[in-house]
């Protein structure tokens, strides 16, 4: 019987940008609410969630397919800017920091096309580059959180050069998720 894993393709930002986001997140934590905060060591931009039960053969296909994709992409700059919540500030489910750069969408499209070629279902949602920094367990009105997010709508967390992407295995536990990079693929070969 073939093993299945929970997996995704993602990029990480520089330690400096992640530290700036972590300091912002620490301020939000003090505002209360029933929120599961992302451990800063797990900050990442998901290019494509592959699934909860991905066969290892598909994971291997994805890794092999990502090699030429990554080789054809030049390293590029990304800016972490702005904060908000999905679906809205009034009823947040996900608290995020935004990421801006035209390259992210193009890279995500290539990863999506490869995923479909490897037999995965197409992603129904539009790609929206962001770092998830918290998940609201019970959405309730929190005016202080709403004000803090509104005040950070244009906040600049810095920019960094993105030089690689990785395919991660996600290990879920009551203590939180642990991510294991199964392959790191450098941009530009």
N, C-alpha and C. Protein backbone atom coordinates (compact mmCIF):
# COMPACT_ATOMS: atom_id res chain seq x y z
N UNK A 1 0.84 -1.18 0.00
CA UNK A 1 0.00 0.00 0.00
C UNK A 1 0.89 1.25 0.00
N UNK A 2 0.52 2.20 -0.86
CA UNK A 2 1.34 3.42 -1.00
C UNK A 2 1.03 4.42 0.10
N UNK A 3 2.10 5.06 0.60
CA UNK A 3 1.94 6.08 1.63
C UNK A 3 1.44 7.38 1.00
N UNK A 4 0.61 8.09 1.76
CA UNK A 4 0.09 9.40 1.35
C UNK A 4 0.52 10.43 2.40
N UNK A 5 0.79 11.65 1.94
CA UNK A 5 1.22 12.70 2.87
C UNK A 5 0.45 14.00 2.60
N UNK A 6 0.51 14.89 3.57
CA UNK A 6 -0.02 16.25 3.43
C UNK A 6 1.14 17.08 2.92
N UNK A 7 0.94 17.80 1.80
CA UNK A 7 2.07 18.49 1.17
C UNK A 7 1.65 19.80 0.51
N UNK A 8 2.63 20.68 0.35
CA UNK A 8 2.40 21.96 -0.32
C UNK A 8 3.71 22.49 -0.88
N UNK A 9 3.60 23.42 -1.84
CA UNK A 9 4.75 24.09 -2.42
C UNK A 9 4.70 25.53 -1.92
N UNK A 10 5.85 26.03 -1.43
CA UNK A 10 5.85 27.36 -0.83
C UNK A 10 7.20 28.04 -0.96
N UNK A 11 7.20 29.34 -0.65
CA UNK A 11 8.44 30.09 -0.53
C UNK A 11 8.51 30.67 0.87
N UNK A 12 9.73 30.89 1.31
CA UNK A 12 9.99 31.55 2.59
C UNK A 12 10.59 32.92 2.31
N UNK A 13 10.36 33.84 3.22
CA UNK A 13 10.93 35.18 3.11
C UNK A 13 12.22 35.24 3.92
N UNK A 14 12.91 36.37 3.83
CA UNK A 14 14.17 36.51 4.56
C UNK A 14 13.91 36.57 6.06
N UNK A 15 14.90 36.22 6.88
CA UNK A 15 14.74 36.32 8.33
C UNK A 15 14.37 37.73 8.78
N UNK A 16 14.90 38.75 8.11
CA UNK A 16 14.60 40.13 8.50
C UNK A 16 13.12 40.46 8.30
N UNK A 17 12.56 40.05 7.16
CA UNK A 17 11.13 40.31 6.90
C UNK A 17 10.29 39.46 7.85
N UNK A 18 10.64 38.21 8.03
CA UNK A 18 9.88 37.36 8.95
C UNK A 18 9.92 37.90 10.37
N UNK A 19 11.05 38.46 10.79
CA UNK A 19 11.15 39.07 12.13
C UNK A 19 10.22 40.28 12.25
N UNK A 20 10.16 41.11 11.22
CA UNK A 20 9.26 42.28 11.24
C UNK A 20 7.81 41.83 11.35
N UNK A 21 7.45 40.78 10.63
CA UNK A 21 6.08 40.25 10.69
C UNK A 21 5.83 39.65 12.08
N UNK A 22 6.80 38.95 12.63
CA UNK A 22 6.65 38.35 13.96
C UNK A 22 6.43 39.41 15.04
N UNK A 23 7.14 40.54 14.93
CA UNK A 23 6.95 41.64 15.91
C UNK A 23 5.53 42.20 15.80
N UNK A 24 5.03 42.36 14.57
CA UNK A 24 3.67 42.84 14.36
C UNK A 24 2.67 41.84 14.95
N UNK A 25 2.89 40.56 14.67
CA UNK A 25 2.02 39.50 15.19
C UNK A 25 1.99 39.51 16.72
N UNK A 26 3.15 39.73 17.34
CA UNK A 26 3.22 39.77 18.81
C UNK A 26 2.34 40.88 19.37
N UNK A 27 2.31 42.01 18.69
CA UNK A 27 1.42 43.10 19.11
C UNK A 27 -0.04 42.72 18.99
N UNK A 28 -0.39 42.01 17.92
CA UNK A 28 -1.78 41.58 17.74
C UNK A 28 -2.18 40.55 18.79
N UNK A 29 -1.28 39.70 19.18
CA UNK A 29 -1.57 38.67 20.18
C UNK A 29 -2.09 39.28 21.48
N UNK A 30 -1.55 40.45 21.82
CA UNK A 30 -1.95 41.10 23.06
C UNK A 30 -3.39 41.65 23.02
N UNK A 31 -4.00 41.65 21.84
CA UNK A 31 -5.36 42.20 21.71
C UNK A 31 -6.45 41.18 22.02
N UNK A 32 -6.05 39.95 22.30
CA UNK A 32 -7.01 38.92 22.70
C UNK A 32 -7.72 38.29 21.52
N UNK A 33 -8.71 37.47 21.84
CA UNK A 33 -9.45 36.73 20.82
C UNK A 33 -9.03 35.27 20.80
N UNK A 34 -9.93 34.46 20.31
CA UNK A 34 -9.68 33.01 20.21
C UNK A 34 -9.00 32.75 18.87
N UNK A 35 -7.68 32.94 18.84
CA UNK A 35 -6.91 32.88 17.60
C UNK A 35 -5.76 31.90 17.74
N UNK A 36 -5.61 31.05 16.74
CA UNK A 36 -4.46 30.17 16.67
C UNK A 36 -3.40 30.90 15.85
N UNK A 37 -2.35 31.36 16.52
CA UNK A 37 -1.31 32.15 15.86
C UNK A 37 -0.28 31.24 15.21
N UNK A 38 0.08 31.56 13.99
CA UNK A 38 1.10 30.81 13.26
C UNK A 38 2.45 31.00 13.95
N UNK A 39 3.15 29.92 14.20
CA UNK A 39 4.49 30.00 14.75
C UNK A 39 5.37 30.70 13.71
N UNK A 40 6.09 31.76 14.09
CA UNK A 40 6.91 32.48 13.10
C UNK A 40 7.87 31.58 12.31
N UNK A 41 8.31 30.49 12.89
CA UNK A 41 9.20 29.60 12.13
C UNK A 41 8.45 28.90 10.99
N UNK A 42 7.11 28.99 11.00
CA UNK A 42 6.29 28.38 9.94
C UNK A 42 5.76 29.39 8.93
N UNK A 43 6.15 30.67 9.04
CA UNK A 43 5.68 31.65 8.05
C UNK A 43 6.12 31.20 6.66
N UNK A 44 5.20 31.24 5.71
CA UNK A 44 5.51 30.89 4.33
C UNK A 44 4.39 31.39 3.41
N UNK A 45 4.70 31.54 2.15
CA UNK A 45 3.71 31.83 1.13
C UNK A 45 3.43 30.53 0.40
N UNK A 46 2.21 30.04 0.51
CA UNK A 46 1.83 28.82 -0.20
C UNK A 46 1.60 29.14 -1.67
N UNK A 47 2.39 28.53 -2.53
CA UNK A 47 2.17 28.66 -3.97
C UNK A 47 1.09 27.69 -4.41
N UNK A 48 1.05 26.49 -3.79
CA UNK A 48 0.02 25.51 -4.12
C UNK A 48 -0.06 24.49 -3.00
N UNK A 49 -1.25 24.36 -2.39
CA UNK A 49 -1.50 23.28 -1.44
C UNK A 49 -1.81 22.06 -2.29
N UNK A 50 -1.06 20.98 -2.09
CA UNK A 50 -1.22 19.79 -2.91
C UNK A 50 -2.31 18.87 -2.39
N UNK A 51 -2.52 18.86 -1.07
CA UNK A 51 -3.59 18.04 -0.51
C UNK A 51 -3.19 17.39 0.79
N UNK A 52 -4.20 16.84 1.44
CA UNK A 52 -4.01 16.14 2.72
C UNK A 52 -3.56 14.70 2.53
N UNK A 53 -3.86 14.11 1.39
CA UNK A 53 -3.55 12.71 1.13
C UNK A 53 -2.93 12.56 -0.26
N UNK A 54 -1.73 13.10 -0.42
CA UNK A 54 -1.06 13.06 -1.72
C UNK A 54 -0.18 11.81 -1.79
N UNK A 55 -0.38 10.96 -2.81
CA UNK A 55 0.48 9.78 -2.94
C UNK A 55 1.94 10.19 -3.13
N UNK A 56 2.84 9.43 -2.53
CA UNK A 56 4.27 9.74 -2.65
C UNK A 56 4.73 9.77 -4.11
N UNK A 57 4.12 8.95 -4.96
CA UNK A 57 4.48 8.95 -6.38
C UNK A 57 4.19 10.31 -7.01
N UNK A 58 3.09 10.95 -6.61
CA UNK A 58 2.75 12.28 -7.12
C UNK A 58 3.72 13.32 -6.56
N UNK A 59 4.09 13.18 -5.30
CA UNK A 59 5.07 14.08 -4.69
C UNK A 59 6.38 14.01 -5.47
N UNK A 60 6.82 12.81 -5.80
CA UNK A 60 8.06 12.65 -6.56
C UNK A 60 7.93 13.26 -7.95
N UNK A 61 6.77 13.08 -8.60
CA UNK A 61 6.52 13.70 -9.91
C UNK A 61 6.59 15.22 -9.79
N UNK A 62 5.99 15.76 -8.74
CA UNK A 62 6.00 17.21 -8.55
C UNK A 62 7.43 17.72 -8.38
N UNK A 63 8.23 17.04 -7.57
CA UNK A 63 9.60 17.48 -7.35
C UNK A 63 10.37 17.49 -8.67
N UNK A 64 10.25 16.41 -9.44
CA UNK A 64 10.95 16.34 -10.73
C UNK A 64 10.44 17.42 -11.68
N UNK A 65 9.14 17.68 -11.68
CA UNK A 65 8.57 18.71 -12.54
C UNK A 65 8.94 20.13 -12.11
N UNK A 66 9.16 20.32 -10.81
CA UNK A 66 9.51 21.64 -10.31
C UNK A 66 10.95 22.03 -10.65
N UNK A 67 11.81 21.04 -10.86
CA UNK A 67 13.22 21.35 -11.16
C UNK A 67 13.37 22.26 -12.39
N UNK A 68 12.80 21.89 -13.56
CA UNK A 68 12.96 22.79 -14.72
C UNK A 68 12.17 24.10 -14.56
N UNK A 69 11.07 24.06 -13.84
CA UNK A 69 10.31 25.29 -13.59
C UNK A 69 11.19 26.27 -12.82
N UNK A 70 11.79 25.81 -11.73
CA UNK A 70 12.64 26.68 -10.91
C UNK A 70 13.86 27.16 -11.70
N UNK A 71 14.45 26.28 -12.49
CA UNK A 71 15.64 26.65 -13.25
C UNK A 71 15.36 27.79 -14.23
N UNK A 72 14.12 27.89 -14.71
CA UNK A 72 13.75 28.90 -15.69
C UNK A 72 13.32 30.23 -15.06
N UNK A 73 13.24 30.29 -13.74
CA UNK A 73 12.80 31.50 -13.05
C UNK A 73 14.02 32.19 -12.45
N UNK A 74 14.17 33.47 -12.75
CA UNK A 74 15.24 34.25 -12.13
C UNK A 74 14.82 34.65 -10.72
N UNK A 75 15.75 34.73 -9.77
CA UNK A 75 15.40 35.23 -8.45
C UNK A 75 14.70 36.59 -8.58
N UNK A 76 13.77 36.87 -7.67
CA UNK A 76 12.98 38.10 -7.77
C UNK A 76 12.70 38.67 -6.38
N UNK A 77 12.36 39.95 -6.36
CA UNK A 77 12.08 40.65 -5.11
C UNK A 77 10.61 40.53 -4.74
N UNK A 78 10.35 40.44 -3.45
CA UNK A 78 9.00 40.43 -2.90
C UNK A 78 8.95 41.42 -1.75
N UNK A 79 7.87 42.18 -1.65
CA UNK A 79 7.67 43.12 -0.55
C UNK A 79 6.51 42.62 0.30
N UNK A 80 6.72 42.59 1.61
CA UNK A 80 5.64 42.28 2.57
C UNK A 80 5.04 43.62 2.97
N UNK A 81 3.77 43.81 2.62
CA UNK A 81 3.15 45.11 2.84
C UNK A 81 1.67 44.95 3.11
N UNK A 82 1.23 45.61 4.17
CA UNK A 82 -0.18 45.62 4.51
C UNK A 82 -0.60 44.40 5.30
N UNK A 83 -1.70 44.56 6.03
CA UNK A 83 -2.27 43.45 6.81
C UNK A 83 -3.77 43.52 6.68
N UNK A 84 -4.42 42.40 6.92
CA UNK A 84 -5.87 42.35 6.82
C UNK A 84 -6.40 41.02 7.28
N UNK A 85 -7.64 40.73 6.87
CA UNK A 85 -8.28 39.49 7.28
C UNK A 85 -9.19 38.99 6.16
N UNK A 86 -9.26 37.68 6.03
CA UNK A 86 -10.23 37.03 5.14
C UNK A 86 -11.35 36.48 5.99
N UNK A 87 -12.60 36.48 5.64
CA UNK A 87 -13.11 37.15 4.45
C UNK A 87 -13.24 38.67 4.61
N UNK A 88 -13.25 39.18 5.85
CA UNK A 88 -13.34 40.62 6.06
C UNK A 88 -12.82 40.97 7.45
N UNK A 89 -12.57 42.26 7.67
CA UNK A 89 -12.13 42.71 9.00
C UNK A 89 -13.24 42.57 10.04
N UNK A 90 -14.50 42.60 9.58
CA UNK A 90 -15.63 42.52 10.51
C UNK A 90 -15.87 41.09 11.02
N UNK A 91 -15.58 40.09 10.18
CA UNK A 91 -15.76 38.68 10.56
C UNK A 91 -14.53 37.90 10.13
N UNK A 92 -13.38 38.17 10.74
CA UNK A 92 -12.14 37.54 10.27
C UNK A 92 -12.09 36.04 10.58
N UNK A 93 -11.55 35.30 9.63
CA UNK A 93 -11.24 33.88 9.82
C UNK A 93 -9.73 33.67 9.74
N UNK A 94 -9.09 34.43 8.85
CA UNK A 94 -7.65 34.35 8.64
C UNK A 94 -7.08 35.76 8.74
N UNK A 95 -6.03 35.93 9.53
CA UNK A 95 -5.32 37.21 9.64
C UNK A 95 -4.04 37.06 8.83
N UNK A 96 -3.78 38.04 7.97
CA UNK A 96 -2.68 37.91 7.02
C UNK A 96 -1.86 39.18 6.88
N UNK A 97 -0.66 38.99 6.32
CA UNK A 97 0.21 40.07 5.85
C UNK A 97 0.33 39.88 4.35
N UNK A 98 0.14 40.97 3.60
CA UNK A 98 0.15 40.89 2.14
C UNK A 98 1.55 40.83 1.55
N UNK A 99 1.64 40.24 0.38
CA UNK A 99 2.89 40.16 -0.36
C UNK A 99 2.65 40.70 -1.76
N UNK A 100 3.58 41.53 -2.24
CA UNK A 100 3.39 42.13 -3.55
C UNK A 100 4.59 41.86 -4.44
N UNK A 101 4.31 41.48 -5.66
CA UNK A 101 5.27 41.35 -6.74
C UNK A 101 4.59 40.62 -7.87
N UNK A 102 4.78 41.09 -9.08
CA UNK A 102 4.18 40.46 -10.25
C UNK A 102 4.65 39.05 -10.49
N UNK A 103 5.86 38.72 -10.05
CA UNK A 103 6.42 37.38 -10.30
C UNK A 103 5.68 36.28 -9.54
N UNK A 104 5.16 36.60 -8.37
CA UNK A 104 4.51 35.57 -7.55
C UNK A 104 3.37 34.89 -8.29
N UNK A 105 2.54 35.68 -8.96
CA UNK A 105 1.42 35.12 -9.70
C UNK A 105 1.88 34.21 -10.82
N UNK A 106 2.92 34.63 -11.54
CA UNK A 106 3.44 33.81 -12.64
C UNK A 106 4.03 32.50 -12.13
N UNK A 107 4.76 32.56 -11.02
CA UNK A 107 5.33 31.34 -10.44
C UNK A 107 4.20 30.42 -9.98
N UNK A 108 3.21 30.98 -9.30
CA UNK A 108 2.08 30.17 -8.82
C UNK A 108 1.34 29.52 -9.99
N UNK A 109 1.20 30.23 -11.12
CA UNK A 109 0.53 29.66 -12.30
C UNK A 109 1.29 28.45 -12.82
N UNK A 110 2.62 28.55 -12.85
CA UNK A 110 3.43 27.43 -13.34
C UNK A 110 3.32 26.23 -12.40
N UNK A 111 3.32 26.49 -11.09
CA UNK A 111 3.19 25.40 -10.11
C UNK A 111 1.79 24.77 -10.23
N UNK A 112 0.78 25.60 -10.44
CA UNK A 112 -0.59 25.10 -10.62
C UNK A 112 -0.69 24.22 -11.86
N UNK A 113 -0.14 24.68 -12.98
CA UNK A 113 -0.18 23.89 -14.22
C UNK A 113 0.51 22.54 -14.02
N UNK A 114 1.65 22.53 -13.36
CA UNK A 114 2.36 21.28 -13.08
C UNK A 114 1.51 20.37 -12.20
N UNK A 115 0.86 20.93 -11.19
CA UNK A 115 0.03 20.14 -10.27
C UNK A 115 -1.07 19.42 -11.04
N UNK A 116 -1.71 20.12 -11.96
CA UNK A 116 -2.78 19.52 -12.75
C UNK A 116 -2.22 18.43 -13.66
N UNK A 117 -1.04 18.70 -14.27
CA UNK A 117 -0.41 17.67 -15.12
C UNK A 117 -0.07 16.42 -14.31
N UNK A 118 0.21 16.60 -13.02
CA UNK A 118 0.54 15.46 -12.15
C UNK A 118 -0.70 14.76 -11.62
N UNK A 119 -1.88 15.20 -12.05
CA UNK A 119 -3.11 14.51 -11.69
C UNK A 119 -3.90 15.11 -10.54
N UNK A 120 -3.47 16.26 -10.02
CA UNK A 120 -4.22 16.89 -8.93
C UNK A 120 -5.36 17.72 -9.49
N UNK A 121 -6.40 17.87 -8.70
CA UNK A 121 -7.54 18.70 -9.11
C UNK A 121 -7.11 20.16 -9.21
N UNK A 122 -7.65 20.90 -10.18
CA UNK A 122 -7.32 22.32 -10.27
C UNK A 122 -7.74 23.07 -8.99
N UNK A 123 -6.94 24.05 -8.62
CA UNK A 123 -7.24 24.89 -7.45
C UNK A 123 -8.39 25.82 -7.83
N UNK A 124 -9.51 25.75 -7.10
CA UNK A 124 -10.67 26.58 -7.48
C UNK A 124 -10.54 28.05 -7.09
N UNK A 125 -9.69 28.34 -6.10
CA UNK A 125 -9.57 29.73 -5.64
C UNK A 125 -8.49 30.48 -6.41
N UNK A 126 -8.72 31.76 -6.58
CA UNK A 126 -7.74 32.64 -7.22
C UNK A 126 -6.53 32.80 -6.29
N UNK A 127 -5.34 32.82 -6.85
CA UNK A 127 -4.12 33.00 -6.06
C UNK A 127 -4.11 34.39 -5.47
N UNK A 128 -3.87 34.48 -4.17
CA UNK A 128 -3.84 35.75 -3.45
C UNK A 128 -2.63 35.71 -2.52
N UNK A 129 -1.49 36.29 -2.94
CA UNK A 129 -0.25 36.13 -2.16
C UNK A 129 -0.32 36.79 -0.78
N UNK A 130 -0.11 35.98 0.24
CA UNK A 130 -0.15 36.47 1.63
C UNK A 130 0.54 35.48 2.56
N UNK A 131 0.91 35.97 3.73
CA UNK A 131 1.40 35.12 4.82
C UNK A 131 0.27 35.01 5.82
N UNK A 132 -0.17 33.82 6.13
CA UNK A 132 -1.17 33.63 7.18
C UNK A 132 -0.44 33.73 8.51
N UNK A 133 -0.86 34.69 9.35
CA UNK A 133 -0.19 34.84 10.65
C UNK A 133 -1.10 34.41 11.80
N UNK A 134 -2.38 34.17 11.51
CA UNK A 134 -3.30 33.68 12.54
C UNK A 134 -4.59 33.19 11.94
N UNK A 135 -5.20 32.22 12.62
CA UNK A 135 -6.52 31.69 12.21
C UNK A 135 -7.47 31.87 13.38
N UNK A 136 -8.58 32.53 13.12
CA UNK A 136 -9.56 32.81 14.16
C UNK A 136 -10.41 31.56 14.35
N UNK A 137 -10.41 31.05 15.58
CA UNK A 137 -11.17 29.83 15.87
C UNK A 137 -12.67 30.12 15.93
N UNK A 138 -13.03 31.19 16.64
CA UNK A 138 -14.43 31.59 16.77
C UNK A 138 -14.55 33.05 16.37
N UNK A 139 -15.08 33.30 15.16
CA UNK A 139 -15.16 34.69 14.72
C UNK A 139 -16.14 35.50 15.58
N UNK A 140 -15.62 36.45 16.27
CA UNK A 140 -16.43 37.37 17.05
C UNK A 140 -15.92 38.77 16.80
N UNK A 141 -16.73 39.73 17.06
CA UNK A 141 -16.33 41.12 16.84
C UNK A 141 -15.25 41.50 17.86
N UNK A 142 -14.13 41.99 17.36
CA UNK A 142 -13.02 42.43 18.19
C UNK A 142 -12.58 43.80 17.66
N UNK A 143 -13.21 44.87 18.16
CA UNK A 143 -12.91 46.20 17.62
C UNK A 143 -11.43 46.58 17.69
N UNK A 144 -10.74 46.16 18.74
CA UNK A 144 -9.31 46.50 18.86
C UNK A 144 -8.49 45.81 17.76
N UNK A 145 -8.82 44.55 17.46
CA UNK A 145 -8.12 43.83 16.39
C UNK A 145 -8.44 44.49 15.05
N UNK A 146 -9.70 44.82 14.84
CA UNK A 146 -10.11 45.46 13.59
C UNK A 146 -9.35 46.78 13.40
N UNK A 147 -9.26 47.57 14.44
CA UNK A 147 -8.54 48.85 14.36
C UNK A 147 -7.06 48.64 14.08
N UNK A 148 -6.46 47.66 14.72
CA UNK A 148 -5.04 47.39 14.51
C UNK A 148 -4.76 46.96 13.07
N UNK A 149 -5.64 46.14 12.53
CA UNK A 149 -5.46 45.69 11.14
C UNK A 149 -5.70 46.83 10.16
N UNK A 150 -6.70 47.66 10.44
CA UNK A 150 -6.94 48.82 9.58
C UNK A 150 -5.73 49.76 9.60
N UNK A 151 -5.15 49.96 10.78
CA UNK A 151 -3.99 50.84 10.91
C UNK A 151 -2.78 50.27 10.17
N UNK A 152 -2.74 48.96 9.97
CA UNK A 152 -1.59 48.31 9.31
C UNK A 152 -1.86 48.03 7.83
N UNK A 153 -2.94 48.60 7.29
CA UNK A 153 -3.31 48.31 5.90
C UNK A 153 -2.21 48.66 4.90
N UNK A 154 -1.37 49.65 5.23
CA UNK A 154 -0.28 50.05 4.33
C UNK A 154 1.09 49.85 4.97
N UNK A 155 1.14 49.17 6.10
CA UNK A 155 2.41 48.98 6.82
C UNK A 155 3.40 48.21 5.95
N UNK A 156 4.65 48.66 5.97
CA UNK A 156 5.70 48.03 5.18
C UNK A 156 6.56 47.17 6.12
N UNK A 157 6.65 45.88 5.81
CA UNK A 157 7.44 44.95 6.61
C UNK A 157 8.80 44.67 5.98
N UNK A 158 9.05 45.27 4.82
CA UNK A 158 10.33 45.09 4.15
C UNK A 158 10.22 44.24 2.90
N UNK A 159 11.32 44.18 2.17
CA UNK A 159 11.36 43.38 0.95
C UNK A 159 12.59 42.47 1.01
N UNK A 160 12.56 41.43 0.17
CA UNK A 160 13.68 40.50 0.14
C UNK A 160 13.74 39.80 -1.21
N UNK A 161 14.90 39.26 -1.49
CA UNK A 161 15.13 38.51 -2.72
C UNK A 161 14.71 37.06 -2.49
N UNK A 162 13.86 36.56 -3.38
CA UNK A 162 13.41 35.17 -3.30
C UNK A 162 14.27 34.35 -4.26
N UNK A 163 14.97 33.37 -3.73
CA UNK A 163 15.93 32.61 -4.54
C UNK A 163 15.53 31.14 -4.71
N UNK A 164 14.44 30.72 -4.04
CA UNK A 164 14.06 29.30 -4.15
C UNK A 164 12.62 29.10 -3.73
N UNK A 165 12.11 27.93 -4.03
CA UNK A 165 10.83 27.45 -3.52
C UNK A 165 11.09 26.04 -3.01
N UNK A 166 10.16 25.52 -2.21
CA UNK A 166 10.34 24.18 -1.66
C UNK A 166 9.03 23.43 -1.67
N UNK A 167 9.14 22.12 -1.74
CA UNK A 167 7.99 21.25 -1.55
C UNK A 167 8.11 20.72 -0.13
N UNK A 168 7.07 20.99 0.66
CA UNK A 168 7.07 20.64 2.08
C UNK A 168 6.09 19.52 2.37
N UNK A 169 6.47 18.72 3.34
CA UNK A 169 5.55 17.77 3.97
C UNK A 169 5.11 18.41 5.28
N UNK A 170 3.82 18.35 5.55
CA UNK A 170 3.27 18.95 6.76
C UNK A 170 2.91 17.84 7.74
N UNK A 171 3.48 17.93 8.94
CA UNK A 171 3.17 16.98 10.01
C UNK A 171 2.28 17.72 11.01
N UNK A 172 1.02 17.30 11.14
CA UNK A 172 0.10 17.94 12.07
C UNK A 172 0.11 17.22 13.40
N UNK A 173 0.04 18.01 14.48
CA UNK A 173 -0.02 17.44 15.82
C UNK A 173 -0.76 18.42 16.72
N UNK A 174 -1.16 17.98 17.92
CA UNK A 174 -1.82 18.90 18.85
C UNK A 174 -0.93 20.09 19.23
N UNK A 175 0.40 19.94 19.11
CA UNK A 175 1.33 21.03 19.42
C UNK A 175 1.50 22.00 18.25
N UNK A 176 0.87 21.72 17.13
CA UNK A 176 0.98 22.58 15.95
C UNK A 176 1.63 21.85 14.79
N UNK A 177 1.68 22.52 13.66
CA UNK A 177 2.24 21.93 12.45
C UNK A 177 3.76 22.02 12.45
N UNK A 178 4.38 21.00 11.90
CA UNK A 178 5.82 20.99 11.64
C UNK A 178 5.98 20.76 10.15
N UNK A 179 6.83 21.57 9.52
CA UNK A 179 7.03 21.47 8.08
C UNK A 179 8.41 20.91 7.79
N UNK A 180 8.45 19.94 6.91
CA UNK A 180 9.70 19.28 6.51
C UNK A 180 9.90 19.52 5.01
N UNK A 181 10.97 20.21 4.65
CA UNK A 181 11.26 20.44 3.23
C UNK A 181 11.76 19.13 2.61
N UNK A 182 10.99 18.61 1.66
CA UNK A 182 11.41 17.38 0.97
C UNK A 182 12.32 17.70 -0.19
N UNK A 183 12.17 18.91 -0.75
CA UNK A 183 13.05 19.36 -1.84
C UNK A 183 13.05 20.88 -1.87
N UNK A 184 14.22 21.47 -1.98
CA UNK A 184 14.37 22.92 -2.16
C UNK A 184 14.89 23.13 -3.55
N UNK A 185 14.19 23.96 -4.31
CA UNK A 185 14.51 24.16 -5.71
C UNK A 185 14.94 25.61 -5.93
N UNK A 186 16.21 25.79 -6.27
CA UNK A 186 16.77 27.13 -6.42
C UNK A 186 16.34 27.72 -7.77
N UNK A 187 16.01 29.00 -7.75
CA UNK A 187 15.65 29.69 -8.98
C UNK A 187 16.90 29.98 -9.80
N UNK A 188 16.73 29.91 -11.10
CA UNK A 188 17.85 30.19 -12.01
C UNK A 188 18.83 29.05 -12.14
N UNK A 189 18.41 27.86 -11.73
CA UNK A 189 19.27 26.69 -11.86
C UNK A 189 20.10 26.51 -10.64
